[in-house]
Amino acid sequence: MSISPAYAQASGSAGQGDLLTTMLPMIAIFVVFYFLLIRPQQKKAKEHRAMLEALEKGAEVVTAGGIVGRVVRLVDSYVTVEIASGVEITVQKQAVSQLLPKGTMKSL
């Protein structure tokens, strides 16, 4: 009882086609991730940077912690926000999440 060895047969020119069909789904997934995740996140970060550049004294803002106040001072990467008369806090510029229209604090 001897077992005869089995040899693989060489197929035609399937090497190039297999590479394309193997890589195509990965490329498609990357394209979907780019348009659904990466690109919108970059756009949102660009808008946030532009909003931080537009900050000025007297602007009404909301911090990342939900604190509403008026900008009193701007120093490099810090902002001093007045949250009540005589009460000021200093936060990083990156912590400012939203710029409110003028007069919003009066309606609160």
N, C-alpha and C. Protein backbone atom coordinates (compact mmCIF):
# COMPACT_ATOMS: atom_id res chain seq x y z
N MET A 1 0.82 -1.16 0.00
CA MET A 1 0.00 0.00 0.00
C MET A 1 0.88 1.23 0.00
N SER A 2 1.10 1.66 -1.13
CA SER A 2 1.89 2.87 -1.24
C SER A 2 1.02 4.00 -1.77
N ILE A 3 1.32 5.17 -1.29
CA ILE A 3 0.56 6.35 -1.72
C ILE A 3 1.40 7.09 -2.73
N SER A 4 0.81 7.37 -3.86
CA SER A 4 1.56 8.06 -4.89
C SER A 4 1.58 9.56 -4.60
N PRO A 5 2.70 10.23 -4.87
CA PRO A 5 2.79 11.67 -4.61
C PRO A 5 1.89 12.47 -5.57
N ALA A 6 1.32 13.53 -5.06
CA ALA A 6 0.47 14.40 -5.87
C ALA A 6 1.25 15.67 -6.19
N TYR A 7 1.22 16.06 -7.43
CA TYR A 7 1.93 17.25 -7.89
C TYR A 7 0.91 18.30 -8.33
N ALA A 8 1.19 19.55 -7.96
CA ALA A 8 0.30 20.64 -8.37
C ALA A 8 0.52 20.94 -9.83
N GLN A 9 -0.56 21.17 -10.50
CA GLN A 9 -0.45 21.52 -11.91
C GLN A 9 -0.35 23.03 -12.05
N ALA A 10 0.45 23.48 -12.94
CA ALA A 10 0.61 24.90 -13.18
C ALA A 10 -0.60 25.39 -13.95
N SER A 11 -1.20 26.46 -13.47
CA SER A 11 -2.34 27.02 -14.19
C SER A 11 -1.83 28.06 -15.17
N GLY A 12 -2.71 28.59 -15.96
CA GLY A 12 -2.34 29.54 -17.01
C GLY A 12 -1.74 30.82 -16.44
N SER A 13 -2.27 31.97 -16.79
CA SER A 13 -1.76 33.25 -16.31
C SER A 13 -2.75 33.86 -15.32
N ALA A 14 -2.97 33.19 -14.20
CA ALA A 14 -3.93 33.66 -13.21
C ALA A 14 -3.27 34.53 -12.14
N GLY A 15 -1.97 34.67 -12.13
CA GLY A 15 -1.26 35.42 -11.11
C GLY A 15 -1.65 36.89 -11.10
N GLN A 16 -1.71 37.55 -12.22
CA GLN A 16 -2.01 38.98 -12.29
C GLN A 16 -3.48 39.25 -11.95
N GLY A 17 -4.36 38.45 -12.38
CA GLY A 17 -5.77 38.63 -12.11
C GLY A 17 -6.09 38.40 -10.64
N ASP A 18 -5.45 37.44 -10.02
CA ASP A 18 -5.67 37.17 -8.61
C ASP A 18 -5.23 38.34 -7.74
N LEU A 19 -4.13 38.98 -8.09
CA LEU A 19 -3.64 40.11 -7.32
C LEU A 19 -4.65 41.26 -7.35
N LEU A 20 -5.21 41.53 -8.51
CA LEU A 20 -6.18 42.61 -8.65
C LEU A 20 -7.46 42.30 -7.85
N THR A 21 -7.97 41.10 -7.96
CA THR A 21 -9.19 40.75 -7.24
C THR A 21 -8.96 40.67 -5.74
N THR A 22 -7.72 40.42 -5.32
CA THR A 22 -7.41 40.40 -3.89
C THR A 22 -7.31 41.81 -3.33
N MET A 23 -6.72 42.73 -4.06
CA MET A 23 -6.50 44.09 -3.58
C MET A 23 -7.71 44.99 -3.75
N LEU A 24 -8.59 44.70 -4.68
CA LEU A 24 -9.74 45.56 -4.96
C LEU A 24 -10.65 45.78 -3.75
N PRO A 25 -11.03 44.76 -2.98
CA PRO A 25 -11.88 45.03 -1.80
C PRO A 25 -11.18 45.90 -0.75
N MET A 26 -9.89 45.73 -0.55
CA MET A 26 -9.17 46.55 0.42
C MET A 26 -9.12 48.01 -0.03
N ILE A 27 -8.93 48.24 -1.30
CA ILE A 27 -8.92 49.59 -1.84
C ILE A 27 -10.31 50.22 -1.70
N ALA A 28 -11.34 49.45 -1.98
CA ALA A 28 -12.71 49.95 -1.86
C ALA A 28 -13.04 50.31 -0.41
N ILE A 29 -12.60 49.50 0.54
CA ILE A 29 -12.83 49.79 1.96
C ILE A 29 -12.12 51.07 2.36
N PHE A 30 -10.88 51.27 1.90
CA PHE A 30 -10.15 52.50 2.22
C PHE A 30 -10.86 53.72 1.65
N VAL A 31 -11.36 53.63 0.44
CA VAL A 31 -12.08 54.76 -0.18
C VAL A 31 -13.34 55.09 0.63
N VAL A 32 -14.08 54.07 1.04
CA VAL A 32 -15.29 54.29 1.84
C VAL A 32 -14.93 54.95 3.17
N PHE A 33 -13.88 54.44 3.85
CA PHE A 33 -13.45 55.04 5.11
C PHE A 33 -13.03 56.49 4.91
N TYR A 34 -12.36 56.79 3.81
CA TYR A 34 -11.90 58.15 3.57
C TYR A 34 -13.09 59.10 3.46
N PHE A 35 -14.08 58.72 2.65
CA PHE A 35 -15.20 59.63 2.42
C PHE A 35 -16.20 59.67 3.57
N LEU A 36 -16.31 58.60 4.36
CA LEU A 36 -17.28 58.59 5.44
C LEU A 36 -16.71 58.98 6.80
N LEU A 37 -15.40 58.80 7.01
CA LEU A 37 -14.82 59.07 8.32
C LEU A 37 -13.73 60.13 8.30
N ILE A 38 -12.74 59.95 7.48
CA ILE A 38 -11.56 60.81 7.52
C ILE A 38 -11.86 62.21 7.00
N ARG A 39 -12.46 62.32 5.85
CA ARG A 39 -12.71 63.63 5.23
C ARG A 39 -13.64 64.51 6.08
N PRO A 40 -14.78 64.00 6.59
CA PRO A 40 -15.62 64.85 7.44
C PRO A 40 -14.92 65.29 8.73
N GLN A 41 -14.08 64.41 9.30
CA GLN A 41 -13.37 64.77 10.52
C GLN A 41 -12.37 65.89 10.24
N GLN A 42 -11.67 65.82 9.10
CA GLN A 42 -10.73 66.88 8.74
C GLN A 42 -11.46 68.20 8.51
N LYS A 43 -12.63 68.14 7.89
CA LYS A 43 -13.41 69.35 7.64
C LYS A 43 -13.87 69.98 8.96
N LYS A 44 -14.31 69.15 9.90
CA LYS A 44 -14.74 69.65 11.19
C LYS A 44 -13.58 70.27 11.96
N ALA A 45 -12.40 69.65 11.90
CA ALA A 45 -11.22 70.19 12.58
C ALA A 45 -10.81 71.53 11.97
N LYS A 46 -10.93 71.64 10.66
CA LYS A 46 -10.59 72.90 9.99
C LYS A 46 -11.55 74.02 10.41
N GLU A 47 -12.84 73.70 10.51
CA GLU A 47 -13.83 74.69 10.95
C GLU A 47 -13.57 75.11 12.40
N HIS A 48 -13.17 74.17 13.25
CA HIS A 48 -12.88 74.49 14.65
C HIS A 48 -11.67 75.40 14.76
N ARG A 49 -10.63 75.12 13.96
CA ARG A 49 -9.44 75.99 13.96
C ARG A 49 -9.80 77.40 13.51
N ALA A 50 -10.65 77.51 12.49
CA ALA A 50 -11.06 78.82 12.00
C ALA A 50 -11.88 79.56 13.06
N MET A 51 -12.72 78.84 13.80
CA MET A 51 -13.51 79.45 14.86
C MET A 51 -12.60 79.96 15.97
N LEU A 52 -11.57 79.20 16.33
CA LEU A 52 -10.64 79.62 17.37
C LEU A 52 -9.83 80.84 16.94
N GLU A 53 -9.49 80.92 15.67
CA GLU A 53 -8.78 82.08 15.15
C GLU A 53 -9.66 83.33 15.18
N ALA A 54 -10.97 83.14 15.06
CA ALA A 54 -11.89 84.27 15.02
C ALA A 54 -12.30 84.75 16.41
N LEU A 55 -11.85 84.07 17.46
CA LEU A 55 -12.20 84.49 18.82
C LEU A 55 -11.67 85.88 19.09
N GLU A 56 -12.48 86.68 19.75
CA GLU A 56 -12.07 88.04 20.11
C GLU A 56 -12.67 88.39 21.46
N LYS A 57 -12.18 89.44 22.04
CA LYS A 57 -12.66 89.89 23.34
C LYS A 57 -14.14 90.28 23.21
N GLY A 58 -14.95 89.83 24.15
CA GLY A 58 -16.38 90.14 24.12
C GLY A 58 -17.23 89.07 23.46
N ALA A 59 -16.62 88.08 22.83
CA ALA A 59 -17.38 87.01 22.18
C ALA A 59 -17.98 86.10 23.24
N GLU A 60 -19.18 85.61 22.97
CA GLU A 60 -19.84 84.69 23.89
C GLU A 60 -19.58 83.27 23.40
N VAL A 61 -19.11 82.40 24.32
CA VAL A 61 -18.67 81.06 23.93
C VAL A 61 -19.24 80.00 24.88
N VAL A 62 -19.17 78.77 24.43
CA VAL A 62 -19.49 77.60 25.24
C VAL A 62 -18.22 76.75 25.29
N THR A 63 -17.81 76.34 26.49
CA THR A 63 -16.63 75.49 26.62
C THR A 63 -17.01 74.03 26.44
N ALA A 64 -15.99 73.17 26.37
CA ALA A 64 -16.23 71.75 26.21
C ALA A 64 -16.98 71.18 27.41
N GLY A 65 -16.86 71.80 28.57
CA GLY A 65 -17.57 71.35 29.76
C GLY A 65 -18.99 71.88 29.85
N GLY A 66 -19.41 72.69 28.89
CA GLY A 66 -20.77 73.22 28.88
C GLY A 66 -20.93 74.55 29.58
N ILE A 67 -19.83 75.19 29.93
CA ILE A 67 -19.90 76.48 30.62
C ILE A 67 -20.06 77.59 29.59
N VAL A 68 -21.05 78.45 29.81
CA VAL A 68 -21.32 79.57 28.91
C VAL A 68 -20.72 80.83 29.54
N GLY A 69 -20.00 81.60 28.71
CA GLY A 69 -19.42 82.82 29.24
C GLY A 69 -18.98 83.76 28.15
N ARG A 70 -18.41 84.89 28.57
CA ARG A 70 -17.95 85.93 27.64
C ARG A 70 -16.43 86.01 27.73
N VAL A 71 -15.76 86.08 26.60
CA VAL A 71 -14.30 86.15 26.55
C VAL A 71 -13.85 87.51 27.08
N VAL A 72 -12.93 87.47 28.05
CA VAL A 72 -12.40 88.68 28.65
C VAL A 72 -10.98 88.95 28.15
N ARG A 73 -10.19 87.89 28.08
CA ARG A 73 -8.79 88.01 27.66
C ARG A 73 -8.39 86.84 26.79
N LEU A 74 -7.52 87.11 25.82
CA LEU A 74 -6.94 86.07 24.97
C LEU A 74 -5.43 86.12 25.15
N VAL A 75 -4.83 85.01 25.55
CA VAL A 75 -3.38 84.91 25.68
C VAL A 75 -2.94 83.63 24.99
N ASP A 76 -2.07 83.73 24.00
CA ASP A 76 -1.54 82.59 23.23
C ASP A 76 -2.51 81.41 23.13
N SER A 77 -2.39 80.44 24.04
CA SER A 77 -3.24 79.26 23.94
C SER A 77 -4.27 79.19 25.07
N TYR A 78 -4.49 80.30 25.77
CA TYR A 78 -5.46 80.33 26.87
C TYR A 78 -6.46 81.45 26.66
N VAL A 79 -7.66 81.24 27.19
CA VAL A 79 -8.74 82.21 27.10
C VAL A 79 -9.31 82.40 28.50
N THR A 80 -9.48 83.63 28.91
CA THR A 80 -10.14 83.91 30.18
C THR A 80 -11.60 84.23 29.88
N VAL A 81 -12.50 83.48 30.52
CA VAL A 81 -13.92 83.59 30.25
C VAL A 81 -14.63 84.05 31.53
N GLU A 82 -15.46 85.07 31.40
CA GLU A 82 -16.25 85.55 32.53
C GLU A 82 -17.59 84.81 32.49
N ILE A 83 -17.86 84.03 33.55
CA ILE A 83 -19.08 83.23 33.58
C ILE A 83 -20.19 83.88 34.40
N ALA A 84 -19.82 84.84 35.24
CA ALA A 84 -20.77 85.65 36.01
C ALA A 84 -20.04 86.95 36.32
N SER A 85 -20.74 87.95 36.78
CA SER A 85 -20.07 89.21 37.05
C SER A 85 -19.04 89.01 38.17
N GLY A 86 -17.78 89.27 37.85
CA GLY A 86 -16.69 89.12 38.80
C GLY A 86 -16.13 87.72 38.91
N VAL A 87 -16.68 86.74 38.19
CA VAL A 87 -16.19 85.36 38.24
C VAL A 87 -15.57 85.03 36.88
N GLU A 88 -14.26 84.80 36.88
CA GLU A 88 -13.54 84.51 35.64
C GLU A 88 -12.82 83.18 35.77
N ILE A 89 -12.80 82.42 34.69
CA ILE A 89 -12.04 81.18 34.64
C ILE A 89 -11.13 81.23 33.43
N THR A 90 -10.01 80.54 33.53
CA THR A 90 -9.08 80.46 32.41
C THR A 90 -9.11 79.04 31.86
N VAL A 91 -9.33 78.92 30.56
CA VAL A 91 -9.37 77.61 29.89
C VAL A 91 -8.46 77.64 28.67
N GLN A 92 -8.10 76.48 28.20
CA GLN A 92 -7.33 76.40 26.96
C GLN A 92 -8.23 76.76 25.79
N LYS A 93 -7.63 77.32 24.75
CA LYS A 93 -8.42 77.70 23.57
C LYS A 93 -9.13 76.48 22.97
N GLN A 94 -8.47 75.34 23.00
CA GLN A 94 -9.06 74.13 22.43
C GLN A 94 -10.33 73.70 23.17
N ALA A 95 -10.50 74.17 24.42
CA ALA A 95 -11.68 73.82 25.20
C ALA A 95 -12.91 74.61 24.79
N VAL A 96 -12.73 75.64 23.99
CA VAL A 96 -13.88 76.42 23.49
C VAL A 96 -14.48 75.61 22.35
N SER A 97 -15.74 75.19 22.55
CA SER A 97 -16.34 74.31 21.54
C SER A 97 -17.30 75.02 20.60
N GLN A 98 -17.85 76.16 21.03
CA GLN A 98 -18.83 76.83 20.18
C GLN A 98 -18.80 78.33 20.42
N LEU A 99 -18.97 79.06 19.36
CA LEU A 99 -19.07 80.52 19.41
C LEU A 99 -20.55 80.87 19.29
N LEU A 100 -21.08 81.57 20.28
CA LEU A 100 -22.50 81.90 20.30
C LEU A 100 -22.76 83.28 19.69
N PRO A 101 -23.97 83.51 19.17
CA PRO A 101 -24.31 84.84 18.67
C PRO A 101 -24.37 85.83 19.83
N LYS A 102 -24.10 87.10 19.53
CA LYS A 102 -24.13 88.15 20.56
C LYS A 102 -25.52 88.22 21.19
N GLY A 103 -25.54 88.42 22.51
CA GLY A 103 -26.81 88.54 23.22
C GLY A 103 -27.40 87.23 23.70
N THR A 104 -26.75 86.13 23.44
CA THR A 104 -27.28 84.83 23.86
C THR A 104 -27.29 84.70 25.37
N MET A 105 -26.26 85.22 26.03
CA MET A 105 -26.17 85.10 27.48
C MET A 105 -27.30 85.84 28.20
N LYS A 106 -27.80 86.92 27.62
CA LYS A 106 -28.89 87.68 28.25
C LYS A 106 -30.18 86.87 28.26
N SER A 107 -30.36 86.02 27.26
CA SER A 107 -31.60 85.25 27.17
C SER A 107 -31.57 84.02 28.06
N LEU A 108 -30.41 83.69 28.64
CA LEU A 108 -30.33 82.49 29.49
C LEU A 108 -30.80 82.76 30.87
